C-alpha atoms as a PDB file:
ATOM      1  CA  MET A   1     164.250 187.261 295.120  1.00  0.00           C
ATOM      2  CA  THR A   2     163.449 188.427 291.593  1.00  0.00           C
ATOM      3  CA  SER A   3     159.831 189.435 290.956  1.00  0.00           C
ATOM      4  CA  LEU A   4     158.139 187.709 288.022  1.00  0.00           C
ATOM      5  CA  HIS A   5     154.916 189.713 288.362  1.00  0.00           C
ATOM      6  CA  GLY A   6     153.296 190.522 285.029  1.00  0.00           C
ATOM      7  CA  SER A   7     155.713 188.411 282.991  1.00  0.00           C
ATOM      8  CA  GLU A   8     154.893 185.995 280.179  1.00  0.00           C
ATOM      9  CA  LEU A   9     155.673 183.244 282.662  1.00  0.00           C
ATOM     10  CA  SER A  10     153.105 184.459 285.183  1.00  0.00           C
ATOM     11  CA  SER A  11     150.323 184.320 282.595  1.00  0.00           C
ATOM     12  CA  SER A  12     151.203 180.818 281.374  1.00  0.00           C
ATOM     13  CA  PHE A  13     149.396 178.782 284.008  1.00  0.00           C
ATOM     14  CA  GLY A  14     145.870 178.923 282.622  1.00  0.00           C
ATOM     15  CA  ALA A  15     146.712 176.522 279.806  1.00  0.00           C
ATOM     16  CA  VAL A  16     148.266 173.977 282.181  1.00  0.00           C
ATOM     17  CA  ALA A  17     145.835 174.302 285.099  1.00  0.00           C
ATOM     18  CA  ALA A  18     144.504 170.738 284.800  1.00  0.00           C
ATOM     19  CA  GLY A  19     148.029 169.324 284.851  1.00  0.00           C
ATOM     20  CA  TYR A  20     148.927 171.560 287.784  1.00  0.00           C
ATOM     21  CA  GLN A  21     145.961 170.234 289.739  1.00  0.00           C
ATOM     22  CA  ALA A  22     146.692 166.619 288.863  1.00  0.00           C
ATOM     23  CA  ALA A  23     150.442 166.419 289.397  1.00  0.00           C
ATOM     24  CA  ARG A  24     151.876 169.198 291.546  1.00  0.00           C
ATOM     25  CA  PRO A  25     153.060 168.060 294.981  1.00  0.00           C
ATOM     26  CA  SER A  26     150.867 168.575 298.020  1.00  0.00           C
ATOM     27  CA  TYR A  27     152.134 169.606 301.478  1.00  0.00           C
ATOM     28  CA  PRO A  28     152.716 167.520 304.632  1.00  0.00           C
ATOM     29  CA  GLN A  29     150.774 168.239 307.805  1.00  0.00           C
ATOM     30  CA  SER A  30     154.054 169.246 309.478  1.00  0.00           C
ATOM     31  CA  LEU A  31     153.932 172.446 307.403  1.00  0.00           C
ATOM     32  CA  PHE A  32     150.726 173.559 309.063  1.00  0.00           C
ATOM     33  CA  ASP A  33     152.050 172.622 312.499  1.00  0.00           C
ATOM     34  CA  ALA A  34     155.059 174.865 311.774  1.00  0.00           C
ATOM     35  CA  ILE A  35     152.837 177.734 310.584  1.00  0.00           C
ATOM     36  CA  GLU A  36     150.902 177.550 313.843  1.00  0.00           C
ATOM     37  CA  GLU A  37     154.100 177.496 315.888  1.00  0.00           C
ATOM     38  CA  LEU A  38     155.762 180.404 314.073  1.00  0.00           C
ATOM     39  CA  SER A  39     152.618 182.542 313.879  1.00  0.00           C
ATOM     40  CA  GLY A  40     151.651 181.868 317.494  1.00  0.00           C
ATOM     41  CA  ARG A  41     148.051 180.932 316.806  1.00  0.00           C
ATOM     42  CA  PRO A  42     146.002 177.906 315.696  1.00  0.00           C
ATOM     43  CA  LEU A  43     144.656 177.607 312.181  1.00  0.00           C
ATOM     44  CA  LYS A  44     141.293 176.385 313.443  1.00  0.00           C
ATOM     45  CA  GLY A  45     138.889 179.306 313.245  1.00  0.00           C
ATOM     46  CA  ALA A  46     141.488 181.631 311.684  1.00  0.00           C
ATOM     47  CA  ARG A  47     140.441 183.904 308.829  1.00  0.00           C
ATOM     48  CA  VAL A  48     142.938 183.024 306.061  1.00  0.00           C
ATOM     49  CA  LEU A  49     143.491 184.600 302.650  1.00  0.00           C
ATOM     50  CA  ASP A  50     145.347 182.153 300.401  1.00  0.00           C
ATOM     51  CA  VAL A  51     146.841 184.428 297.741  1.00  0.00           C
ATOM     52  CA  GLY A  52     147.928 182.990 294.414  1.00  0.00           C
ATOM     53  CA  ALA A  53     145.855 179.962 295.374  1.00  0.00           C
ATOM     54  CA  GLY A  54     146.223 178.347 291.962  1.00  0.00           C
ATOM     55  CA  THR A  55     144.058 175.242 291.788  1.00  0.00           C
ATOM     56  CA  GLY A  56     143.615 175.192 295.570  1.00  0.00           C
ATOM     57  CA  ILE A  57     146.139 172.557 296.640  1.00  0.00           C
ATOM     58  CA  ALA A  58     147.135 174.424 299.822  1.00  0.00           C
ATOM     59  CA  THR A  59     143.733 176.108 300.153  1.00  0.00           C
ATOM     60  CA  ARG A  60     141.979 172.803 300.762  1.00  0.00           C
ATOM     61  CA  LEU A  61     144.566 171.714 303.319  1.00  0.00           C
ATOM     62  CA  LEU A  62     144.133 174.983 305.217  1.00  0.00           C
ATOM     63  CA  ARG A  63     140.374 174.453 305.188  1.00  0.00           C
ATOM     64  CA  ASP A  64     140.845 170.903 306.444  1.00  0.00           C
ATOM     65  CA  ARG A  65     142.789 172.308 309.413  1.00  0.00           C
ATOM     66  CA  GLY A  66     139.694 174.306 310.346  1.00  0.00           C
ATOM     67  CA  ALA A  67     140.625 177.674 308.830  1.00  0.00           C
ATOM     68  CA  GLU A  68     137.984 179.958 307.334  1.00  0.00           C
ATOM     69  CA  VAL A  69     139.861 180.304 304.062  1.00  0.00           C
ATOM     70  CA  VAL A  70     139.248 182.479 301.018  1.00  0.00           C
ATOM     71  CA  ALA A  71     141.163 181.721 297.816  1.00  0.00           C
ATOM     72  CA  VAL A  72     142.606 184.671 295.880  1.00  0.00           C
ATOM     73  CA  GLU A  73     143.710 183.870 292.317  1.00  0.00           C
ATOM     74  CA  PRO A  74     144.378 186.187 289.333  1.00  0.00           C
ATOM     75  CA  THR A  75     144.617 183.645 286.490  1.00  0.00           C
ATOM     76  CA  PRO A  76     141.263 182.705 284.904  1.00  0.00           C
ATOM     77  CA  GLY A  77     142.259 179.129 284.010  1.00  0.00           C
ATOM     78  CA  MET A  78     143.589 178.369 287.473  1.00  0.00           C
ATOM     79  CA  ALA A  79     140.563 179.973 289.132  1.00  0.00           C
ATOM     80  CA  ALA A  80     138.228 177.899 286.959  1.00  0.00           C
ATOM     81  CA  GLN A  81     140.048 174.705 287.954  1.00  0.00           C
ATOM     82  CA  LEU A  82     139.813 175.645 291.644  1.00  0.00           C
ATOM     83  CA  ARG A  83     136.098 176.409 291.370  1.00  0.00           C
ATOM     84  CA  ALA A  84     135.437 173.142 289.531  1.00  0.00           C
ATOM     85  CA  SER A  85     137.255 171.004 292.101  1.00  0.00           C
ATOM     86  CA  SER A  86     136.254 172.933 295.242  1.00  0.00           C
ATOM     87  CA  PRO A  87     133.069 174.940 294.612  1.00  0.00           C
ATOM     88  CA  GLU A  88     132.471 175.257 298.348  1.00  0.00           C
ATOM     89  CA  ILE A  89     135.601 177.409 298.878  1.00  0.00           C
ATOM     90  CA  PRO A  90     135.051 181.183 298.501  1.00  0.00           C
ATOM     91  CA  LEU A  91     137.084 182.431 295.534  1.00  0.00           C
ATOM     92  CA  VAL A  92     138.026 186.040 294.748  1.00  0.00           C
ATOM     93  CA  ARG A  93     139.816 187.163 291.604  1.00  0.00           C
ATOM     94  CA  GLY A  94     142.765 189.362 292.545  1.00  0.00           C
ATOM     95  CA  ASP A  95     146.485 189.408 293.244  1.00  0.00           C
ATOM     96  CA  GLY A  96     148.772 190.254 296.133  1.00  0.00           C
ATOM     97  CA  HIS A  97     149.506 193.777 294.954  1.00  0.00           C
ATOM     98  CA  ALA A  98     145.897 194.921 295.450  1.00  0.00           C
ATOM     99  CA  LEU A  99     143.995 192.610 297.772  1.00  0.00           C
ATOM    100  CA  PRO A 100     140.231 193.234 297.533  1.00  0.00           C
ATOM    101  CA  PHE A 101     139.709 193.142 301.310  1.00  0.00           C
ATOM    102  CA  ALA A 102     139.239 195.743 304.032  1.00  0.00           C
ATOM    103  CA  ASP A 103     141.985 196.701 306.488  1.00  0.00           C
ATOM    104  CA  GLY A 104     142.528 194.403 309.464  1.00  0.00           C
ATOM    105  CA  THR A 105     140.186 191.606 308.401  1.00  0.00           C
ATOM    106  CA  ALA A 106     142.487 188.546 308.212  1.00  0.00           C
ATOM    107  CA  ASP A 107     144.466 186.534 310.741  1.00  0.00           C
ATOM    108  CA  LEU A 108     146.768 184.931 308.179  1.00  0.00           C
ATOM    109  CA  VAL A 109     147.794 185.594 304.582  1.00  0.00           C
ATOM    110  CA  THR A 110     149.423 182.655 302.816  1.00  0.00           C
ATOM    111  CA  TYR A 111     151.380 182.307 299.579  1.00  0.00           C
ATOM    112  CA  ALA A 112     151.818 178.660 298.562  1.00  0.00           C
ATOM    113  CA  GLN A 113     154.387 178.402 295.788  1.00  0.00           C
ATOM    114  CA  ALA A 114     153.382 181.932 294.736  1.00  0.00           C
ATOM    115  CA  PHE A 115     155.218 184.750 296.505  1.00  0.00           C
ATOM    116  CA  HIS A 116     157.978 184.912 293.869  1.00  0.00           C
ATOM    117  CA  TRP A 117     155.316 186.081 291.400  1.00  0.00           C
ATOM    118  CA  THR A 118     154.946 189.326 293.377  1.00  0.00           C
ATOM    119  CA  THR A 119     157.033 192.411 294.030  1.00  0.00           C
ATOM    120  CA  PRO A 120     157.636 192.342 297.814  1.00  0.00           C
ATOM    121  CA  GLU A 121     157.685 196.142 298.117  1.00  0.00           C
ATOM    122  CA  HIS A 122     154.017 196.028 297.110  1.00  0.00           C
ATOM    123  CA  SER A 123     152.778 192.627 298.274  1.00  0.00           C
ATOM    124  CA  VAL A 124     154.164 192.701 301.836  1.00  0.00           C
ATOM    125  CA  PRO A 125     152.650 196.078 302.833  1.00  0.00           C
ATOM    126  CA  GLU A 126     149.393 194.989 301.204  1.00  0.00           C
ATOM    127  CA  ALA A 127     149.370 191.798 303.261  1.00  0.00           C
ATOM    128  CA  ALA A 128     150.147 193.803 306.410  1.00  0.00           C
ATOM    129  CA  ARG A 129     147.245 196.139 305.603  1.00  0.00           C
ATOM    130  CA  VAL A 130     144.625 193.374 305.559  1.00  0.00           C
ATOM    131  CA  LEU A 131     146.045 191.564 308.595  1.00  0.00           C
ATOM    132  CA  ARG A 132     144.789 192.166 312.111  1.00  0.00           C
ATOM    133  CA  ARG A 133     147.347 193.232 314.713  1.00  0.00           C
ATOM    134  CA  GLY A 134     149.488 190.209 315.442  1.00  0.00           C
ATOM    135  CA  GLY A 135     148.430 188.532 312.201  1.00  0.00           C
ATOM    136  CA  ALA A 136     150.921 186.671 310.077  1.00  0.00           C
ATOM    137  CA  LEU A 137     152.109 186.313 306.496  1.00  0.00           C
ATOM    138  CA  ALA A 138     153.228 182.758 305.621  1.00  0.00           C
ATOM    139  CA  LEU A 139     155.265 182.013 302.488  1.00  0.00           C
ATOM    140  CA  PHE A 140     156.148 178.461 301.516  1.00  0.00           C
ATOM    141  CA  TRP A 141     157.683 176.528 298.645  1.00  0.00           C
ATOM    142  CA  ASN A 142     158.183 172.869 297.843  1.00  0.00           C
ATOM    143  CA  VAL A 143     161.746 172.779 296.482  1.00  0.00           C
ATOM    144  CA  LYS A 144     163.326 169.670 294.978  1.00  0.00           C
ATOM    145  CA  ASP A 145     166.749 168.906 296.364  1.00  0.00           C
ATOM    146  CA  ARG A 146     168.794 169.623 293.220  1.00  0.00           C
ATOM    147  CA  THR A 147     172.201 169.393 294.849  1.00  0.00           C
ATOM    148  CA  ARG A 148     172.810 165.824 293.634  1.00  0.00           C
ATOM    149  CA  GLY A 149     171.524 162.937 291.588  1.00  0.00           C
ATOM    150  CA  TRP A 150     168.858 163.005 288.911  1.00  0.00           C
ATOM    151  CA  PRO A 151     167.216 166.324 290.017  1.00  0.00           C
ATOM    152  CA  MET A 152     170.546 168.109 289.551  1.00  0.00           C
ATOM    153  CA  GLU A 153     170.921 166.605 286.078  1.00  0.00           C
ATOM    154  CA  GLN A 154     167.334 167.479 285.187  1.00  0.00           C
ATOM    155  CA  GLU A 155     167.862 171.082 286.233  1.00  0.00           C
ATOM    156  CA  ARG A 156     170.922 171.277 283.978  1.00  0.00           C
ATOM    157  CA  ARG A 157     168.790 170.046 281.081  1.00  0.00           C
ATOM    158  CA  MET A 158     166.031 172.563 281.847  1.00  0.00           C
ATOM    159  CA  ILE A 159     168.524 175.436 281.951  1.00  0.00           C
ATOM    160  CA  ALA A 160     169.835 174.378 278.542  1.00  0.00           C
ATOM    161  CA  ALA A 161     166.419 173.779 276.966  1.00  0.00           C
ATOM    162  CA  CYS A 162     164.237 176.528 278.465  1.00  0.00           C
ATOM    163  CA  PRO A 163     165.281 180.148 277.776  1.00  0.00           C
ATOM    164  CA  GLN A 164     163.041 181.423 280.605  1.00  0.00           C
ATOM    165  CA  TYR A 165     164.073 178.828 283.175  1.00  0.00           C
ATOM    166  CA  HIS A 166     163.953 180.089 286.739  1.00  0.00           C
ATOM    167  CA  GLY A 167     164.587 178.258 289.948  1.00  0.00           C
ATOM    168  CA  TYR A 168     164.413 178.914 293.636  1.00  0.00           C
ATOM    169  CA  GLY A 169     165.841 177.029 296.537  1.00  0.00           C
ATOM    170  CA  ALA A 170     165.746 176.508 300.241  1.00  0.00           C
ATOM    171  CA  VAL A 171     166.598 178.708 302.019  1.00  0.00           C
ATOM    172  CA  ASN A 172     165.325 181.668 299.971  1.00  0.00           C
ATOM    173  CA  SER A 173     165.640 185.401 300.647  1.00  0.00           C
ATOM    174  CA  SER A 174     162.062 186.035 301.774  1.00  0.00           C
ATOM    175  CA  ALA A 175     162.864 186.260 305.499  1.00  0.00           C
ATOM    176  CA  GLY A 176     165.201 189.186 304.910  1.00  0.00           C
ATOM    177  CA  GLU A 177     162.636 190.897 302.706  1.00  0.00           C
ATOM    178  CA  LEU A 178     159.901 190.545 305.323  1.00  0.00           C
ATOM    179  CA  ALA A 179     162.177 191.777 308.110  1.00  0.00           C
ATOM    180  CA  ARG A 180     163.265 194.761 306.003  1.00  0.00           C
ATOM    181  CA  LEU A 181     159.608 195.643 305.530  1.00  0.00           C
ATOM    182  CA  GLY A 182     158.897 195.552 309.261  1.00  0.00           C
ATOM    183  CA  LEU A 183     157.688 192.039 310.130  1.00  0.00           C
ATOM    184  CA  ARG A 184     159.049 189.748 312.850  1.00  0.00           C
ATOM    185  CA  THR A 185     160.184 186.640 311.035  1.00  0.00           C
ATOM    186  CA  GLY A 186     160.701 182.958 311.672  1.00  0.00           C
ATOM    187  CA  THR A 187     161.723 180.201 309.297  1.00  0.00           C
ATOM    188  CA  ALA A 188     161.719 176.433 308.967  1.00  0.00           C
ATOM    189  CA  VAL A 189     162.871 173.906 306.388  1.00  0.00           C
ATOM    190  CA  LEU A 190     160.907 170.655 306.423  1.00  0.00           C
ATOM    191  CA  ARG A 191     161.951 167.568 304.495  1.00  0.00           C
ATOM    192  CA  TRP A 192     159.557 165.103 302.930  1.00  0.00           C
ATOM    193  CA  SER A 193     159.260 162.896 299.855  1.00  0.00           C
ATOM    194  CA  ARG A 194     156.724 161.403 297.482  1.00  0.00           C
ATOM    195  CA  ARG A 195     156.656 158.432 295.105  1.00  0.00           C
ATOM    196  CA  ILE A 196     154.776 158.993 291.825  1.00  0.00           C
ATOM    197  CA  PRO A 197     154.479 157.351 288.392  1.00  0.00           C
ATOM    198  CA  VAL A 198     156.727 158.675 285.627  1.00  0.00           C
ATOM    199  CA  ASP A 199     153.662 159.989 283.802  1.00  0.00           C
ATOM    200  CA  THR A 200     152.727 162.117 286.827  1.00  0.00           C
ATOM    201  CA  ALA A 201     156.274 163.461 287.083  1.00  0.00           C
ATOM    202  CA  LEU A 202     156.103 164.491 283.439  1.00  0.00           C
ATOM    203  CA  VAL A 203     152.733 166.206 283.868  1.00  0.00           C
ATOM    204  CA  ASP A 204     154.206 168.076 286.844  1.00  0.00           C
ATOM    205  CA  LEU A 205     157.193 169.153 284.743  1.00  0.00           C
ATOM    206  CA  GLY A 206     154.895 170.258 281.930  1.00  0.00           C
ATOM    207  CA  SER A 207     152.999 172.514 284.344  1.00  0.00           C
ATOM    208  CA  ARG A 208     156.159 174.513 285.097  1.00  0.00           C
ATOM    209  CA  SER A 209     155.935 177.969 283.564  1.00  0.00           C
ATOM    210  CA  TYR A 210     159.295 177.792 281.814  1.00  0.00           C
ATOM    211  CA  VAL A 211     158.126 174.629 280.020  1.00  0.00           C
ATOM    212  CA  ALA A 212     154.577 175.856 279.417  1.00  0.00           C
ATOM    213  CA  VAL A 213     155.803 178.868 277.402  1.00  0.00           C
ATOM    214  CA  LEU A 214     157.748 176.725 274.930  1.00  0.00           C
ATOM    215  CA  ASP A 215     156.185 176.203 271.503  1.00  0.00           C
ATOM    216  CA  GLN A 216     154.267 172.951 271.110  1.00  0.00           C
ATOM    217  CA  ALA A 217     156.892 171.103 269.064  1.00  0.00           C
ATOM    218  CA  ARG A 218     159.762 172.011 271.378  1.00  0.00           C
ATOM    219  CA  ARG A 219     157.722 171.105 274.435  1.00  0.00           C
ATOM    220  CA  ALA A 220     156.823 167.693 272.994  1.00  0.00           C
ATOM    221  CA  GLU A 221     160.466 167.019 272.153  1.00  0.00           C
ATOM    222  CA  LEU A 222     161.570 168.000 275.637  1.00  0.00           C
ATOM    223  CA  MET A 223     158.971 165.829 277.363  1.00  0.00           C
ATOM    224  CA  ALA A 224     159.859 162.789 275.250  1.00  0.00           C
ATOM    225  CA  ALA A 225     163.522 163.195 276.127  1.00  0.00           C
ATOM    226  CA  GLU A 226     162.708 163.599 279.827  1.00  0.00           C
ATOM    227  CA  ARG A 227     160.637 160.403 279.782  1.00  0.00           C
ATOM    228  CA  GLU A 228     163.696 158.506 278.557  1.00  0.00           C
ATOM    229  CA  GLU A 229     165.924 160.143 281.170  1.00  0.00           C
ATOM    230  CA  LEU A 230     163.536 159.342 284.033  1.00  0.00           C
ATOM    231  CA  LEU A 231     163.017 155.743 282.967  1.00  0.00           C
ATOM    232  CA  ALA A 232     166.781 155.287 282.828  1.00  0.00           C
ATOM    233  CA  VAL A 233     166.948 156.243 286.524  1.00  0.00           C
ATOM    234  CA  PHE A 234     163.633 154.635 287.568  1.00  0.00           C
ATOM    235  CA  PRO A 235     163.143 151.577 285.322  1.00  0.00           C
ATOM    236  CA  ASP A 236     160.171 150.418 287.441  1.00  0.00           C
ATOM    237  CA  GLY A 237     158.329 153.598 286.383  1.00  0.00           C
ATOM    238  CA  GLU A 238     158.070 154.990 289.927  1.00  0.00           C
ATOM    239  CA  VAL A 239     159.855 158.289 290.587  1.00  0.00           C
ATOM    240  CA  VAL A 240     160.987 159.228 294.100  1.00  0.00           C
ATOM    241  CA  GLU A 241     161.132 162.980 294.705  1.00  0.00           C
ATOM    242  CA  GLU A 242     162.829 164.471 297.763  1.00  0.00           C
ATOM    243  CA  TYR A 243     161.653 167.924 298.829  1.00  0.00           C
ATOM    244  CA  GLU A 244     162.854 170.696 301.092  1.00  0.00           C
ATOM    245  CA  LEU A 245     159.748 172.645 302.121  1.00  0.00           C
ATOM    246  CA  ASP A 246     160.891 176.216 302.761  1.00  0.00           C
ATOM    247  CA  LEU A 247     158.653 178.202 305.140  1.00  0.00           C
ATOM    248  CA  THR A 248     158.935 181.851 306.162  1.00  0.00           C
ATOM    249  CA  VAL A 249     156.427 183.463 308.534  1.00  0.00           C
ATOM    250  CA  GLY A 250     156.304 187.187 309.233  1.00  0.00           C
ATOM    251  CA  VAL A 251     154.205 188.505 312.124  1.00  0.00           C
ATOM    252  CA  THR A 252     152.854 192.058 312.231  1.00  0.00           C
ATOM    253  CA  GLY A 253     153.455 194.290 315.238  1.00  0.00           C
END
């Protein structure tokens, strides 16, 4: 997995934080069941650090499962959106390379759609440092199935139009990285889908970093073209997205 830490892409989210909050996919409850199974402990009552929390999509779901969750987010715009929507959730500015927490104080560290923005050689030992013995690091990504149909065609268009396009897929390389750095690992791939209006799908696409860094004129041109492409496939204006939810859990010794 290539680290994108400190790149132009990693700093692009502040400007699109509202769109991220409004349109990015959520996570099914089966994800949190799988985290409990692979980590060997319930989320209820667990001390959780949600790193790269963004606007708090996963953070709120962890809280709703009974976790005592703290959001950790480095980007000012994303942190502001999280605080505005969920002021009751503790929020700390920071990133996974230097977690502002004492040793052995967390039961679970999570990265929702965020671990690829770190350098594992730094972020994994840092997660292990703040975890209690037997604590776990959980990494998960919603990944569109781009092996066929309209998602495959859309990816081809994004590669052609966006010089900084990057993708990731299920299954990713994180399990090997965690094992190499000393954690016992388990994995799962969960499949789910959502149905959303075309406008929501376009807002979601516009919140992707490789689109967000385009100049305004090019971005507007791209989004107009994508609207036409999506309506050609979904003339009723409702887009069906199929996801593979890739989960890796690493447990400390």
